Amino acid sequence: MDRVTVTMPAEVIRDIDRHERNRSRFILEAVRRELERRRIEELKRSLAKPHPETADLVAEGFEEWADGLPDEDLDGLVDPEAGTAVRWIPETGWVEEDR
């Protein structure tokens, strides 16, 4: 654990003390929730506006992309029959496909 000094308005400290005896635990939980919220927002932004190369791969399809790789790159690394077949639908996201 590392120690961090945080300066807050007195009324915020009083509000924390009303709800929790352990200020450090309260602040740690709040920071973790905020970090998780921000990670989720980043993911949503990424899904809403994917990187152009990612969008190209989705449009092209994995098998077509994998077919374009040299054979030595695929040896034991890619099994198109493994896993769950999915496809991207704009406004919906990834959906499972029947094989």
Protein backbone atom coordinates (compact mmCIF):
# COMPACT_ATOMS: atom_id res chain seq x y z
CA MET A 1 0.00 0.00 0.00
CA ASP A 2 1.11 3.57 -0.68
CA ARG A 3 0.10 6.55 1.40
CA VAL A 4 -1.52 9.52 -0.36
CA THR A 5 -2.41 12.89 1.09
CA VAL A 6 -5.65 14.34 -0.24
CA THR A 7 -6.99 17.78 0.60
CA MET A 8 -10.79 18.10 0.75
CA PRO A 9 -13.28 20.67 1.99
CA ALA A 10 -14.23 20.17 5.64
CA GLU A 11 -17.91 19.60 4.78
CA VAL A 12 -16.96 16.68 2.52
CA ILE A 13 -14.94 15.12 5.34
CA ARG A 14 -17.91 15.56 7.71
CA ASP A 15 -20.19 13.88 5.16
CA ILE A 16 -17.77 10.97 4.81
CA ASP A 17 -17.53 10.62 8.60
CA ARG A 18 -21.33 10.47 8.85
CA HIS A 19 -21.40 7.44 6.55
CA GLU A 20 -18.17 5.62 7.24
CA ARG A 21 -15.80 5.29 10.19
CA ASN A 22 -12.85 4.35 7.97
CA ARG A 23 -12.20 7.32 5.66
CA SER A 24 -9.47 5.51 3.75
CA ARG A 25 -11.72 2.56 2.94
CA PHE A 26 -14.54 4.90 1.88
CA ILE A 27 -12.26 6.91 -0.41
CA LEU A 28 -10.66 3.75 -1.85
CA GLU A 29 -14.10 2.31 -2.70
CA ALA A 30 -15.17 5.61 -4.28
CA VAL A 31 -12.00 5.83 -6.35
CA ARG A 32 -12.36 2.23 -7.53
CA ARG A 33 -15.98 2.85 -8.57
CA GLU A 34 -14.94 5.98 -10.47
CA LEU A 35 -12.08 4.20 -12.23
CA GLU A 36 -14.43 1.39 -13.26
CA ARG A 37 -16.99 3.94 -14.51
CA ARG A 38 -14.29 5.60 -16.60
CA ARG A 39 -13.11 2.25 -18.02
CA ILE A 40 -16.69 1.48 -19.05
CA GLU A 41 -17.06 4.91 -20.66
CA GLU A 42 -13.80 4.40 -22.58
CA LEU A 43 -15.05 1.04 -23.81
CA LYS A 44 -18.38 2.55 -24.87
CA ARG A 45 -16.55 5.31 -26.78
CA SER A 46 -14.30 2.73 -28.41
CA LEU A 47 -17.26 0.59 -29.45
CA ALA A 48 -19.19 3.60 -30.73
CA LYS A 49 -16.24 4.85 -32.77
CA PRO A 50 -13.84 1.95 -33.33
CA HIS A 51 -10.33 2.45 -34.62
CA PRO A 52 -10.40 2.40 -38.45
CA GLU A 53 -8.27 -0.76 -38.64
CA THR A 54 -10.65 -2.55 -36.27
CA ALA A 55 -13.66 -1.44 -38.29
CA ASP A 56 -11.94 -2.75 -41.44
CA LEU A 57 -11.36 -6.13 -39.80
CA VAL A 58 -15.00 -6.32 -38.75
CA ALA A 59 -16.19 -5.39 -42.23
CA GLU A 60 -13.79 -7.84 -43.86
CA GLY A 61 -14.51 -10.66 -41.46
CA PHE A 62 -12.07 -12.74 -39.50
CA GLU A 63 -11.81 -15.62 -41.95
CA GLU A 64 -11.02 -13.33 -44.87
CA TRP A 65 -8.45 -11.56 -42.71
CA ALA A 66 -6.92 -14.85 -41.57
CA ASP A 67 -6.87 -16.12 -45.19
CA GLY A 68 -4.67 -13.15 -46.07
CA LEU A 69 -1.98 -14.09 -43.54
CA PRO A 70 1.03 -16.14 -44.61
CA ASP A 71 0.57 -19.84 -43.77
CA GLU A 72 3.42 -19.88 -41.27
CA ASP A 73 1.57 -17.27 -39.16
CA LEU A 74 -1.41 -19.58 -38.78
CA ASP A 75 0.36 -22.80 -37.80
CA GLY A 76 -1.22 -23.69 -34.49
CA LEU A 77 -2.19 -20.10 -33.71
CA VAL A 78 -5.56 -19.69 -35.40
CA ASP A 79 -8.36 -22.23 -35.45
CA PRO A 80 -11.34 -20.64 -37.22
CA GLU A 81 -13.54 -23.53 -36.04
CA ALA A 82 -12.79 -22.90 -32.35
CA GLY A 83 -14.72 -20.53 -30.13
CA THR A 84 -18.06 -18.91 -30.80
CA ALA A 85 -18.92 -17.43 -34.17
CA VAL A 86 -20.02 -13.82 -33.82
CA ARG A 87 -20.66 -10.89 -36.09
CA TRP A 88 -20.92 -7.16 -35.52
CA ILE A 89 -24.24 -5.41 -36.06
CA PRO A 90 -24.14 -1.60 -35.91
CA GLU A 91 -26.37 -0.18 -33.17
CA THR A 92 -26.59 -3.68 -31.60
CA GLY A 93 -23.05 -4.91 -31.11
CA TRP A 94 -21.68 -8.44 -31.30
CA VAL A 95 -24.24 -11.21 -31.87
CA GLU A 96 -23.71 -14.95 -31.94
CA GLU A 97 -23.98 -16.65 -35.34
CA ASP A 98 -25.04 -20.17 -36.22
CA ARG A 99 -22.24 -22.21 -37.76
